[in-house]
Structures are given as structure tokens and as C-alpha cells.
Protein backbone atom coordinates (compact mmCIF):
# COMPACT_ATOMS: atom_id res chain seq x y z
CA MET A 1 0.19 0.32 0.21
CA TYR A 2 3.22 2.66 0.91
CA ILE A 3 4.69 2.42 -2.53
CA TYR A 4 0.91 2.76 -3.95
CA VAL A 5 0.64 6.30 -1.63
CA PHE A 6 4.64 6.76 -3.28
CA ILE A 7 3.71 6.82 -6.79
CA PHE A 8 0.53 9.14 -5.88
CA LEU A 9 3.48 11.45 -4.31
CA VAL A 10 5.37 10.82 -6.91
CA LEU A 11 3.77 11.37 -10.37
CA VAL A 12 0.80 13.03 -9.35
CA ALA A 13 0.61 14.78 -6.00
CA ALA A 14 3.88 17.02 -6.35
CA PRO A 15 3.18 17.39 -10.68
CA ILE A 16 0.22 19.08 -9.52
CA SER A 17 0.83 20.96 -6.67
CA THR A 18 3.76 22.17 -8.86
CA PHE A 19 1.42 23.21 -11.37
CA VAL A 20 -0.72 25.15 -8.94
CA HIS A 21 1.24 27.02 -6.93
CA GLU A 22 3.53 27.70 -10.68
CA CYS A 23 -0.13 28.57 -11.79
CA GLY A 24 -0.18 31.53 -8.96
CA HIS A 25 3.09 33.53 -10.03
CA ALA A 26 1.90 33.03 -13.54
CA ILE A 27 -1.62 35.65 -12.65
CA GLY A 28 0.66 37.97 -10.36
CA ALA A 29 2.82 37.78 -13.92
CA LYS A 30 0.03 38.96 -16.03
CA ILE A 31 -1.92 41.23 -12.95
CA VAL A 32 0.76 43.15 -13.40
CA ALA A 33 0.59 43.26 -17.19
CA SER A 34 4.27 41.23 -17.34
CA ASP A 35 4.77 40.89 -21.72
CA ARG A 36 5.77 37.48 -20.91
CA ILE A 37 5.47 34.71 -18.96
CA THR A 38 6.74 31.11 -18.97
CA LEU A 39 5.71 28.49 -16.89
CA THR A 40 7.93 25.25 -16.84
CA ILE A 41 7.68 22.22 -15.16
CA GLY A 42 9.71 19.44 -14.49
CA VAL A 43 13.48 19.23 -15.90
CA GLY A 44 15.01 17.04 -18.81
CA ARG A 45 14.25 16.70 -21.98
CA ARG A 46 11.29 18.99 -23.63
CA ILE A 47 8.33 17.28 -24.52
CA GLY A 48 5.48 20.20 -24.74
CA THR A 49 4.80 23.13 -25.06
CA ILE A 50 0.95 25.16 -24.77
CA SER A 51 0.97 28.55 -25.13
CA LEU A 52 -2.33 31.44 -24.81
CA LYS A 53 -0.91 34.49 -25.93
CA THR A 54 1.57 36.23 -23.57
CA VAL A 55 1.46 32.69 -21.63
CA HIS A 56 3.23 29.90 -22.31
CA ILE A 57 3.36 26.58 -20.49
CA THR A 58 5.91 24.30 -20.63
CA PHE A 59 6.50 20.40 -19.62
CA HIS A 60 9.84 18.14 -19.33
CA MET A 61 9.89 14.63 -19.24
CA ILE A 62 11.30 13.71 -15.84
CA PHE A 63 8.20 16.18 -14.21
CA PHE A 64 7.56 15.91 -10.69
CA LEU A 65 11.07 17.59 -10.42
CA GLY A 66 10.39 20.80 -9.63
CA GLY A 67 9.10 23.58 -11.53
CA TYR A 68 9.58 27.76 -12.15
CA THR A 69 7.86 30.89 -13.77
CA ARG A 70 9.61 32.97 -15.71
CA TYR A 71 7.65 36.95 -16.51
CA GLU A 72 9.18 39.60 -18.36
CA ARG A 73 8.38 43.44 -19.60
CA LYS A 74 9.53 46.37 -21.67
CA ARG A 75 9.40 48.26 -18.32
CA SER A 76 11.14 47.81 -14.54
CA TYR A 77 8.99 45.91 -12.79
CA GLN A 78 8.11 48.62 -9.00
CA SER A 79 9.42 46.21 -5.61
CA ARG A 80 5.70 45.89 -4.76
CA GLU A 81 4.08 44.61 -8.32
CA LEU A 82 7.52 42.03 -7.84
CA ILE A 83 6.21 40.86 -4.05
CA TRP A 84 2.50 40.47 -6.08
CA ILE A 85 3.78 37.75 -8.03
CA SER A 86 6.21 36.58 -5.78
CA ILE A 87 3.59 36.28 -3.03
CA LEU A 88 0.63 34.29 -5.15
CA GLY A 89 2.74 31.25 -5.26
CA PRO A 90 2.66 30.36 -2.22
CA ILE A 91 -0.70 31.64 -1.62
CA SER A 92 -2.36 29.13 -3.97
CA SER A 93 -0.93 26.66 -2.98
CA PHE A 94 -2.13 27.60 0.53
CA ILE A 95 -6.32 27.60 -1.57
CA PHE A 96 -5.19 24.16 -3.27
CA ALA A 97 -4.65 23.18 0.46
CA PHE A 98 -7.68 24.47 1.89
CA LEU A 99 -10.13 22.56 -1.39
CA CYS A 100 -8.02 19.63 -0.97
CA TYR A 101 -9.18 20.39 3.31
CA PHE A 102 -12.48 19.73 1.36
CA MET A 103 -11.80 17.52 -0.16
CA TYR A 104 -10.16 15.17 2.85
CA ASP A 105 -13.20 15.56 4.36
CA LEU A 106 -15.36 14.41 2.25
CA TYR A 107 -13.80 11.76 0.41
CA SER A 108 -11.17 10.78 3.25
CA ASN A 109 -8.25 8.95 1.57
CA ASN A 110 -4.23 8.97 1.63
CA TYR A 111 -4.22 9.88 -1.77
CA MET A 112 -6.05 13.02 -0.44
CA LYS A 113 -4.52 13.04 2.25
CA ILE A 114 -1.27 13.00 0.62
CA LEU A 115 -1.94 15.80 -1.76
CA LEU A 116 -3.61 18.36 1.76
CA LEU A 117 -0.83 17.93 3.01
CA PHE A 118 2.02 18.56 0.01
CA ASN A 119 0.94 21.65 -0.22
CA VAL A 120 1.12 22.63 3.06
CA TRP A 121 4.81 21.66 3.24
CA LEU A 122 4.89 22.82 -0.62
CA THR A 123 2.86 26.74 1.38
CA ILE A 124 5.23 26.36 3.90
CA MET A 125 7.75 25.96 2.42
CA ASN A 126 8.10 28.95 0.38
CA ILE A 127 7.36 31.61 2.77
CA ILE A 128 10.47 30.65 4.65
CA PRO A 129 13.34 32.49 3.75
CA PHE A 130 15.64 30.26 2.09
CA LYS A 131 18.25 30.14 -0.91
CA ILE A 132 20.21 26.52 -2.01
CA LYS A 133 23.48 27.01 -4.96
CA ASP A 134 21.02 30.15 -6.99
CA LYS A 135 17.69 27.82 -6.11
CA LEU A 136 15.85 30.95 -3.94
CA SER A 137 12.68 30.32 -1.82
CA ASP A 138 9.31 33.17 -2.54
CA GLY A 139 10.33 34.11 0.51
CA TYR A 140 13.43 34.72 0.12
CA ALA A 141 12.60 36.39 -2.78
CA ILE A 142 10.09 38.58 -0.68
CA LEU A 143 13.20 39.19 1.86
CA LYS A 144 15.76 40.69 -1.11
CA ILE A 145 12.72 42.62 -2.34
CA LEU A 146 12.00 44.43 1.13
CA THR A 147 15.82 44.91 2.41
CA ASN A 148 15.27 46.65 -0.94
CA LYS A 149 19.09 44.39 -2.94
CA HIS A 150 16.48 42.47 -5.87
CA ASN A 151 18.93 42.44 -8.08
CA MET A 152 18.59 38.51 -7.79
């Protein structure tokens, strides 16, 4: 039984949760009128891209190993706009966790519980400021912006 839960975590919960989290950043970038938004899921060889006007979603072969969102526009971003983009990732993870909580209440099973707990973990880990090599959390990005060092 535990192997099925682990497989669900790696192949379903993590990619879906990452996608929801990155969509939060993309929505923030769209709100502040970014000219181009690229949402990437996974690493390795690219297996497909979906383009919707200024938003491009790219999927990679190893789709369960994280994701990121890039955004750009001709004029510079203001600090509050960068904070807005950064915070919407964890907010979307929190909202998804909240929805999973209600789904778990209705359909109590290990799979829904994993989805709920993974999104709570994703929310918390992304609001804690930390940097590992060139990877930084949303909390770290916000902290840098607030301390006026946002040339990341």
C-alpha cells in the first residue's frame, strides 16, 4: 500500500501541486501586465509547450522534479509588483491545500491526505526565506525585495 501512496506523491501530487503553485506566480505576473510569462514544469528533455497569447507552459520529461515561472516586460517592475508575483505562488498553494482539506473531509483517503499535506508543506517551505545555490524560495525573494536588494 505504501508504494502506491509514494508513487501517487511523486507522479501525481507533486506535479499537480507544483503546477498550481507556479500558476499562482503566472497569475501575479499577468496581473502586473508582464509581456511574456513562461511556466515550466519539470526538468530534462522538453516534451511539449502550450501557448496562450503571452503565457507559455512548457512540460519536461522528468515532470515531477519542480518547476518555475519566468516573467518579463519592457518596463521595469516595481518592488510591490515583484512581491505580488512572489507571494501568489504560496497563496495559491495554500488555497489548494484548503480545497484539499474539504475534499479530504468528504472523501477521506490516503491520496487526498497526501495532496493536502504536500500543499501545506509547499506553502510553508516557500514562505520560509532560504537560498540553496542559485535556487531561492519565494520568502527569500520577498525578503530581498523588502531589504531593497532585488537584483537576484
